[in-house]
C-alpha atoms as a PDB file:
ATOM      1  CA  UNK A   1    -138.975  -1.557  -1.430  1.00  0.00           C
ATOM      2  CA  UNK A   2    -138.456   1.059  -4.150  1.00  0.00           C
ATOM      3  CA  UNK A   3    -136.028   3.959  -3.892  1.00  0.00           C
ATOM      4  CA  UNK A   4    -138.994   6.298  -3.573  1.00  0.00           C
ATOM      5  CA  UNK A   5    -140.410   4.291  -0.667  1.00  0.00           C
ATOM      6  CA  UNK A   6    -136.999   4.200   1.005  1.00  0.00           C
ATOM      7  CA  UNK A   7    -136.524   7.944   0.741  1.00  0.00           C
ATOM      8  CA  UNK A   8    -140.015   8.606   2.045  1.00  0.00           C
ATOM      9  CA  UNK A   9    -139.507   6.316   5.032  1.00  0.00           C
ATOM     10  CA  UNK A  10    -136.062   7.770   5.693  1.00  0.00           C
ATOM     11  CA  UNK A  11    -137.319  11.337   5.515  1.00  0.00           C
ATOM     12  CA  UNK A  12    -140.243  10.568   7.812  1.00  0.00           C
ATOM     13  CA  UNK A  13    -137.852   9.381  10.543  1.00  0.00           C
ATOM     14  CA  UNK A  14    -136.681  11.897  13.112  1.00  0.00           C
ATOM     15  CA  UNK A  15    -133.213  13.246  12.307  1.00  0.00           C
ATOM     16  CA  UNK A  16    -130.508  11.704  14.445  1.00  0.00           C
ATOM     17  CA  UNK A  17    -128.048  13.710  16.461  1.00  0.00           C
ATOM     18  CA  UNK A  18    -125.363  12.910  13.906  1.00  0.00           C
ATOM     19  CA  UNK A  19    -127.591  14.069  11.060  1.00  0.00           C
ATOM     20  CA  UNK A  20    -128.328  17.311  12.879  1.00  0.00           C
ATOM     21  CA  UNK A  21    -124.688  17.961  13.779  1.00  0.00           C
ATOM     22  CA  UNK A  22    -122.853  16.976  10.609  1.00  0.00           C
ATOM     23  CA  UNK A  23    -125.368  15.735   8.055  1.00  0.00           C
ATOM     24  CA  UNK A  24    -125.133  18.918   6.013  1.00  0.00           C
ATOM     25  CA  UNK A  25    -121.344  18.754   5.652  1.00  0.00           C
ATOM     26  CA  UNK A  26    -120.573  15.021   6.029  1.00  0.00           C
ATOM     27  CA  UNK A  27    -123.700  12.995   5.232  1.00  0.00           C
ATOM     28  CA  UNK A  28    -121.794   9.707   4.878  1.00  0.00           C
ATOM     29  CA  UNK A  29    -120.082  10.123   8.262  1.00  0.00           C
ATOM     30  CA  UNK A  30    -123.471  10.884   9.824  1.00  0.00           C
ATOM     31  CA  UNK A  31    -124.955   7.797   8.169  1.00  0.00           C
ATOM     32  CA  UNK A  32    -122.077   5.570   9.360  1.00  0.00           C
ATOM     33  CA  UNK A  33    -122.371   7.002  12.862  1.00  0.00           C
ATOM     34  CA  UNK A  34    -126.062   6.101  12.915  1.00  0.00           C
ATOM     35  CA  UNK A  35    -126.027   2.763  11.093  1.00  0.00           C
ATOM     36  CA  UNK A  36    -122.734   1.213  12.170  1.00  0.00           C
ATOM     37  CA  UNK A  37    -121.872   2.795  15.504  1.00  0.00           C
ATOM     38  CA  UNK A  38    -125.254   3.287  17.148  1.00  0.00           C
ATOM     39  CA  UNK A  39    -127.478   0.789  15.293  1.00  0.00           C
ATOM     40  CA  UNK A  40    -124.909  -2.035  15.290  1.00  0.00           C
ATOM     41  CA  UNK A  41    -122.006  -1.659  17.743  1.00  0.00           C
ATOM     42  CA  UNK A  42    -124.041  -0.119  20.578  1.00  0.00           C
ATOM     43  CA  UNK A  43    -126.762  -2.762  20.145  1.00  0.00           C
ATOM     44  CA  UNK A  44    -124.499  -5.813  20.440  1.00  0.00           C
ATOM     45  CA  UNK A  45    -125.538  -8.044  23.351  1.00  0.00           C
ATOM     46  CA  UNK A  46    -122.042  -8.964  24.585  1.00  0.00           C
ATOM     47  CA  UNK A  47    -121.852  -5.769  26.673  1.00  0.00           C
ATOM     48  CA  UNK A  48    -124.669  -3.791  28.224  1.00  0.00           C
ATOM     49  CA  UNK A  49    -125.180  -0.200  27.109  1.00  0.00           C
ATOM     50  CA  UNK A  50    -124.214   0.810  30.638  1.00  0.00           C
ATOM     51  CA  UNK A  51    -120.867  -0.979  30.332  1.00  0.00           C
ATOM     52  CA  UNK A  52    -120.307   0.404  26.832  1.00  0.00           C
ATOM     53  CA  UNK A  53    -120.933   3.908  28.165  1.00  0.00           C
ATOM     54  CA  UNK A  54    -118.443   3.519  30.998  1.00  0.00           C
ATOM     55  CA  UNK A  55    -115.815   2.144  28.601  1.00  0.00           C
ATOM     56  CA  UNK A  56    -116.470   4.929  26.104  1.00  0.00           C
ATOM     57  CA  UNK A  57    -116.220   7.649  28.745  1.00  0.00           C
ATOM     58  CA  UNK A  58    -112.937   6.163  29.980  1.00  0.00           C
ATOM     59  CA  UNK A  59    -111.511   6.098  26.461  1.00  0.00           C
ATOM     60  CA  UNK A  60    -112.604   9.668  25.751  1.00  0.00           C
ATOM     61  CA  UNK A  61    -111.098  10.890  29.019  1.00  0.00           C
ATOM     62  CA  UNK A  62    -107.804   9.087  28.353  1.00  0.00           C
ATOM     63  CA  UNK A  63    -107.641  10.338  24.762  1.00  0.00           C
ATOM     64  CA  UNK A  64    -108.554  13.904  25.755  1.00  0.00           C
ATOM     65  CA  UNK A  65    -111.655  14.184  23.573  1.00  0.00           C
ATOM     66  CA  UNK A  66    -113.788  16.778  25.422  1.00  0.00           C
ATOM     67  CA  UNK A  67    -116.184  17.430  22.524  1.00  0.00           C
ATOM     68  CA  UNK A  68    -117.234  13.780  22.404  1.00  0.00           C
ATOM     69  CA  UNK A  69    -117.013  13.395  26.192  1.00  0.00           C
ATOM     70  CA  UNK A  70    -119.692  16.056  26.645  1.00  0.00           C
ATOM     71  CA  UNK A  71    -122.239  13.942  24.727  1.00  0.00           C
ATOM     72  CA  UNK A  72    -121.161  10.608  26.198  1.00  0.00           C
ATOM     73  CA  UNK A  73    -121.376  11.733  29.825  1.00  0.00           C
ATOM     74  CA  UNK A  74    -125.059  12.523  29.341  1.00  0.00           C
ATOM     75  CA  UNK A  75    -125.562   9.348  27.325  1.00  0.00           C
ATOM     76  CA  UNK A  76    -123.911   7.331  30.110  1.00  0.00           C
ATOM     77  CA  UNK A  77    -126.407   8.695  32.626  1.00  0.00           C
ATOM     78  CA  UNK A  78    -129.243   7.724  30.252  1.00  0.00           C
ATOM     79  CA  UNK A  79    -127.703   4.248  30.109  1.00  0.00           C
ATOM     80  CA  UNK A  80    -127.699   3.826  33.889  1.00  0.00           C
ATOM     81  CA  UNK A  81    -124.263   5.036  34.963  1.00  0.00           C
ATOM     82  CA  UNK A  82    -124.588   7.291  37.992  1.00  0.00           C
ATOM     83  CA  UNK A  83    -122.998  10.720  38.227  1.00  0.00           C
ATOM     84  CA  UNK A  84    -120.988   9.470  41.199  1.00  0.00           C
ATOM     85  CA  UNK A  85    -119.653   6.537  39.154  1.00  0.00           C
ATOM     86  CA  UNK A  86    -118.634   8.861  36.321  1.00  0.00           C
ATOM     87  CA  UNK A  87    -116.812  11.188  38.700  1.00  0.00           C
ATOM     88  CA  UNK A  88    -115.085   8.207  40.336  1.00  0.00           C
ATOM     89  CA  UNK A  89    -114.051   6.855  36.924  1.00  0.00           C
ATOM     90  CA  UNK A  90    -112.490  10.202  36.013  1.00  0.00           C
ATOM     91  CA  UNK A  91    -110.717  10.345  39.391  1.00  0.00           C
ATOM     92  CA  UNK A  92    -109.413   6.805  38.873  1.00  0.00           C
ATOM     93  CA  UNK A  93    -108.201   7.687  35.385  1.00  0.00           C
ATOM     94  CA  UNK A  94    -106.089  10.552  36.756  1.00  0.00           C
ATOM     95  CA  UNK A  95    -103.538   7.913  37.761  1.00  0.00           C
ATOM     96  CA  UNK A  96    -103.626   6.054  34.447  1.00  0.00           C
ATOM     97  CA  UNK A  97    -104.118   8.738  31.802  1.00  0.00           C
ATOM     98  CA  UNK A  98    -102.618  11.717  33.609  1.00  0.00           C
ATOM     99  CA  UNK A  99    -103.652  14.405  36.027  1.00  0.00           C
ATOM    100  CA  UNK A 100    -104.204  17.129  33.392  1.00  0.00           C
ATOM    101  CA  UNK A 101    -106.411  14.763  31.397  1.00  0.00           C
ATOM    102  CA  UNK A 102    -108.591  14.076  34.423  1.00  0.00           C
ATOM    103  CA  UNK A 103    -108.738  17.746  35.368  1.00  0.00           C
ATOM    104  CA  UNK A 104    -109.923  18.677  31.868  1.00  0.00           C
ATOM    105  CA  UNK A 105    -112.474  15.861  31.905  1.00  0.00           C
ATOM    106  CA  UNK A 106    -113.818  16.788  35.342  1.00  0.00           C
ATOM    107  CA  UNK A 107    -114.454  20.346  34.143  1.00  0.00           C
ATOM    108  CA  UNK A 108    -116.544  18.957  31.266  1.00  0.00           C
ATOM    109  CA  UNK A 109    -118.291  16.621  33.725  1.00  0.00           C
ATOM    110  CA  UNK A 110    -119.013  19.508  36.088  1.00  0.00           C
ATOM    111  CA  UNK A 111    -120.663  21.410  33.258  1.00  0.00           C
ATOM    112  CA  UNK A 112    -122.662  18.415  31.973  1.00  0.00           C
ATOM    113  CA  UNK A 113    -123.576  16.630  35.202  1.00  0.00           C
ATOM    114  CA  UNK A 114    -124.414  19.635  37.369  1.00  0.00           C
ATOM    115  CA  UNK A 115    -126.770  21.269  34.890  1.00  0.00           C
ATOM    116  CA  UNK A 116    -130.275  21.553  36.369  1.00  0.00           C
END
């Protein structure tokens, strides 16, 4: 496929979330997010997307990453994790990653999960 064909097919695709959020300032990071993280890592068969979501949410809670947690809570629900399971995971993590970490995460979860 020629470069022209590649650019036409790439531009005809819907912009990804990463492209919309950071493509203007960090196009390579947006590309790596799409191609490596979501097109490769998230598609590996060794773990279900549901399991990957639960693991990711746990890591983001423990590492105190509320900006990323906001997206991944919604993504986890799309991947089959229930709201009750997410709340229980955050409660469980209070004893492993710290009470303040869980309290911050539950406030993000309240905002994301209780939206109509």
